[in-house]
Protein backbone atom coordinates (compact mmCIF):
# COMPACT_ATOMS: atom_id res chain seq x y z
CA UNK A 1 -28.62 13.76 -13.68
CA UNK A 2 -29.95 11.57 -16.16
CA UNK A 3 -26.88 10.63 -17.74
CA UNK A 4 -24.93 10.63 -14.58
CA UNK A 5 -27.53 7.64 -13.53
CA UNK A 6 -26.74 6.14 -16.85
CA UNK A 7 -23.05 5.93 -16.62
CA UNK A 8 -22.84 4.83 -13.14
CA UNK A 9 -25.97 2.12 -14.15
CA UNK A 10 -23.83 0.62 -16.98
CA UNK A 11 -20.43 0.46 -14.84
CA UNK A 12 -22.86 -1.30 -11.88
CA UNK A 13 -23.51 -3.99 -14.91
CA UNK A 14 -20.43 -4.18 -15.82
CA UNK A 15 -19.43 -5.39 -12.66
CA UNK A 16 -22.71 -7.16 -11.61
CA UNK A 17 -22.07 -9.29 -14.92
CA UNK A 18 -18.58 -10.18 -13.58
CA UNK A 19 -20.04 -10.96 -10.38
CA UNK A 20 -22.55 -13.52 -12.23
CA UNK A 21 -19.95 -15.57 -14.22
CA UNK A 22 -17.53 -16.11 -10.99
CA UNK A 23 -15.39 -12.93 -10.78
CA UNK A 24 -14.47 -11.50 -7.61
CA UNK A 25 -12.94 -7.72 -8.18
CA UNK A 26 -9.55 -8.46 -6.59
CA UNK A 27 -6.57 -6.78 -8.46
CA UNK A 28 -3.88 -9.14 -9.74
CA UNK A 29 -1.80 -10.23 -12.82
CA UNK A 30 -3.28 -13.65 -14.84
CA UNK A 31 0.06 -15.21 -13.70
CA UNK A 32 0.33 -19.58 -14.64
CA UNK A 33 2.30 -22.12 -13.22
CA UNK A 34 1.93 -26.00 -13.94
CA UNK A 35 0.88 -26.56 -10.17
CA UNK A 36 -2.38 -24.67 -11.01
CA UNK A 37 -5.74 -27.04 -11.35
CA UNK A 38 -8.56 -25.86 -12.91
CA UNK A 39 -10.33 -24.02 -10.73
CA UNK A 40 -7.11 -21.91 -9.27
CA UNK A 41 -6.73 -21.45 -12.96
CA UNK A 42 -10.32 -19.99 -13.56
CA UNK A 43 -9.79 -17.40 -10.06
CA UNK A 44 -7.04 -16.04 -11.70
CA UNK A 45 -8.00 -15.50 -15.17
CA UNK A 46 -11.51 -13.61 -14.01
CA UNK A 47 -9.51 -11.74 -11.96
CA UNK A 48 -7.14 -10.60 -14.36
CA UNK A 49 -9.90 -9.76 -16.48
CA UNK A 50 -12.01 -7.82 -13.71
CA UNK A 51 -8.91 -5.95 -13.06
CA UNK A 52 -8.35 -4.93 -16.92
CA UNK A 53 -12.00 -3.58 -17.29
CA UNK A 54 -11.58 -1.89 -13.93
CA UNK A 55 -8.52 -0.04 -14.69
CA UNK A 56 -9.72 0.93 -18.06
CA UNK A 57 -13.52 2.41 -16.79
CA UNK A 58 -11.40 4.32 -14.32
CA UNK A 59 -8.98 5.88 -16.74
CA UNK A 60 -11.98 6.69 -19.15
CA UNK A 61 -14.62 8.35 -16.49
CA UNK A 62 -11.36 10.24 -14.82
CA UNK A 63 -10.60 11.45 -18.02
CA UNK A 64 -6.93 10.36 -17.43
CA UNK A 65 -4.64 12.65 -19.11
CA UNK A 66 -2.47 9.39 -20.49
CA UNK A 67 -5.67 8.01 -22.14
CA UNK A 68 -5.54 6.97 -25.25
CA UNK A 69 -9.14 7.01 -27.18
CA UNK A 70 -7.69 6.40 -30.77
CA UNK A 71 -7.96 2.72 -32.12
CA UNK A 72 -4.47 0.97 -32.52
CA UNK A 73 -3.49 -1.86 -34.50
CA UNK A 74 -3.72 -5.23 -33.05
CA UNK A 75 0.19 -5.44 -32.07
CA UNK A 76 -0.12 -1.99 -30.60
CA UNK A 77 -2.88 -2.86 -28.50
CA UNK A 78 -1.00 -5.28 -26.62
CA UNK A 79 2.01 -3.01 -25.52
CA UNK A 80 0.31 -0.71 -24.15
CA UNK A 81 -1.85 0.06 -20.67
CA UNK A 82 -3.11 3.79 -21.81
CA UNK A 83 -5.48 2.89 -24.61
CA UNK A 84 -9.24 2.97 -24.00
CA UNK A 85 -10.56 2.66 -27.50
CA UNK A 86 -13.49 -0.42 -27.05
CA UNK A 87 -11.04 -2.38 -30.20
CA UNK A 88 -8.19 -2.29 -27.97
CA UNK A 89 -9.35 -2.81 -24.99
CA UNK A 90 -11.41 -6.04 -27.26
CA UNK A 91 -7.72 -7.44 -28.16
CA UNK A 92 -6.22 -7.42 -24.47
CA UNK A 93 -9.24 -9.08 -22.81
CA UNK A 94 -9.62 -11.32 -26.26
CA UNK A 95 -5.90 -12.11 -25.71
CA UNK A 96 -6.43 -13.07 -21.64
CA UNK A 97 -9.17 -15.40 -23.18
CA UNK A 98 -7.43 -17.12 -25.97
CA UNK A 99 -5.04 -18.13 -22.86
CA UNK A 100 -6.92 -19.01 -20.44
CA UNK A 101 -8.99 -21.59 -22.61
CA UNK A 102 -5.57 -22.69 -23.67
CA UNK A 103 -3.97 -23.22 -20.21
CA UNK A 104 -7.68 -25.10 -19.48
CA UNK A 105 -7.31 -27.70 -22.04
CA UNK A 106 -4.08 -28.42 -20.97
CA UNK A 107 -5.27 -29.79 -17.83
CA UNK A 108 -7.82 -32.23 -19.92
CA UNK A 109 -6.46 -35.43 -19.42
CA UNK A 110 -5.61 -36.38 -15.67
CA UNK A 111 -2.33 -35.80 -13.96
CA UNK A 112 -0.28 -37.89 -12.22
CA UNK A 113 -1.43 -35.92 -9.01
CA UNK A 114 -5.31 -36.32 -10.09
CA UNK A 115 -4.51 -39.96 -9.97
CA UNK A 116 -2.85 -40.24 -6.73
CA UNK A 117 -5.88 -37.59 -5.28
CA UNK A 118 -8.62 -40.47 -6.28
CA UNK A 119 -9.37 -43.30 -4.27
CA UNK A 120 -9.71 -45.53 -7.23
CA UNK A 121 -9.49 -45.95 -10.60
CA UNK A 122 -13.46 -45.28 -10.88
CA UNK A 123 -13.07 -42.16 -8.95
CA UNK A 124 -10.13 -40.92 -11.26
CA UNK A 125 -12.15 -41.25 -14.14
CA UNK A 126 -15.18 -40.03 -12.50
CA UNK A 127 -12.67 -36.62 -11.30
CA UNK A 128 -11.34 -36.38 -15.02
CA UNK A 129 -14.97 -36.35 -16.46
CA UNK A 130 -16.52 -33.47 -13.99
CA UNK A 131 -12.98 -31.54 -14.46
CA UNK A 132 -13.55 -31.88 -18.28
CA UNK A 133 -17.46 -30.68 -18.06
CA UNK A 134 -15.58 -27.67 -16.00
CA UNK A 135 -13.10 -26.84 -18.84
CA UNK A 136 -16.06 -26.96 -21.18
CA UNK A 137 -18.35 -24.38 -19.39
CA UNK A 138 -15.35 -22.38 -18.30
CA UNK A 139 -14.83 -21.98 -21.81
CA UNK A 140 -18.59 -21.54 -22.79
CA UNK A 141 -19.49 -19.25 -19.97
CA UNK A 142 -16.25 -16.97 -19.97
CA UNK A 143 -16.80 -16.47 -24.04
CA UNK A 144 -20.46 -15.06 -23.28
CA UNK A 145 -18.98 -12.90 -19.97
CA UNK A 146 -16.27 -11.29 -22.23
CA UNK A 147 -19.28 -10.58 -25.33
CA UNK A 148 -21.42 -8.55 -22.69
CA UNK A 149 -18.46 -6.96 -20.94
CA UNK A 150 -17.45 -5.55 -23.55
CA UNK A 151 -20.53 -4.65 -24.99
CA UNK A 152 -21.35 -2.66 -21.85
CA UNK A 153 -17.82 -1.24 -22.12
CA UNK A 154 -18.24 0.09 -25.28
CA UNK A 155 -22.20 1.71 -24.45
CA UNK A 156 -20.08 3.05 -21.23
CA UNK A 157 -17.60 4.90 -23.74
CA UNK A 158 -20.50 6.25 -25.76
CA UNK A 159 -23.23 7.67 -22.66
CA UNK A 160 -19.96 9.45 -21.28
CA UNK A 161 -18.57 11.03 -24.63
CA UNK A 162 -22.77 12.46 -24.50
CA UNK A 163 -22.89 13.05 -20.91
CA UNK A 164 -19.59 15.58 -22.10
CA UNK A 165 -21.61 17.10 -24.49
CA UNK A 166 -24.63 17.47 -22.88
CA UNK A 167 -22.68 19.13 -19.78
CA UNK A 168 -21.34 21.42 -22.71
CA UNK A 169 -24.57 22.47 -23.88
CA UNK A 170 -25.90 23.20 -20.57
CA UNK A 171 -23.19 25.17 -19.46
CA UNK A 172 -23.73 27.02 -23.31
CA UNK A 173 -26.94 27.79 -22.56
CA UNK A 174 -26.27 29.01 -19.17
CA UNK A 175 -24.14 31.50 -20.68
CA UNK A 176 -26.76 32.40 -22.94
CA UNK A 177 -29.31 32.92 -20.29
CA UNK A 178 -27.05 35.13 -18.43
CA UNK A 179 -25.81 37.21 -21.85
CA UNK A 180 -30.47 37.89 -22.16
CA UNK A 181 -30.15 39.03 -19.44
CA UNK A 182 -27.48 41.70 -19.88
CA UNK A 183 -29.36 42.62 -22.64
CA UNK A 184 -33.17 42.99 -20.98
CA UNK A 185 -31.28 45.17 -18.24
CA UNK A 186 -29.74 46.99 -21.13
CA UNK A 187 -33.46 47.57 -23.26
CA UNK A 188 -35.39 47.95 -20.35
CA UNK A 189 -33.80 51.39 -19.79
CA UNK A 190 -35.22 52.78 -22.87
CA UNK A 191 -39.21 54.13 -22.50
CA UNK A 192 -42.14 51.52 -23.75
CA UNK A 193 -43.25 55.14 -25.54
CA UNK A 194 -42.11 57.84 -27.48
CA UNK A 195 -42.96 61.57 -25.84
CA UNK A 196 -45.14 63.18 -28.09
CA UNK A 197 -45.53 60.57 -31.13
CA UNK A 198 -48.23 59.58 -33.22
CA UNK A 199 -47.05 55.93 -33.60
CA UNK A 200 -44.97 53.50 -30.87
CA UNK A 201 -43.33 52.05 -33.41
CA UNK A 202 -40.23 52.94 -35.39
CA UNK A 203 -40.40 54.56 -38.59
């Protein structure tokens, strides 16, 4: 029971950390186009990361038969959706993060649309400064969130493996108990003392 609670607790921790850093549990691919502003880009990235970890955790705890737990090289990790090893999940998550970071910095300078939506040059400069602060904040916070979530995922993997091992130990102990009860019933058929014997022990 404690192991079950630990497993559920770690999953809740993963989801909570994603929520704290602005992630909403909505499924969707990380699709980017040039019309997206930094806020739309942030939403798309966080949804994509959330989908990735949810899918991997589901495959892991439901013991999906297609799930592969063996670590692969980086290129192979990027080609498969079925690998649930911490290394491959990290490779895929970091790949998303690097794409996100690159797309954010592409929007570092003000666009024609930014200038048109500003009331004045001063307003345009102020908006650009705010956008750049947001980009720097997102790059830093998203990295921290990614590190924490990967750590939580790794803990989930190991705790779930322990959970399965303890379940097997409990199952084996119950079998041992039942066999011991059978032996006891068999032994109880014999008398505690031997008739006309000078000692109760076998010589």
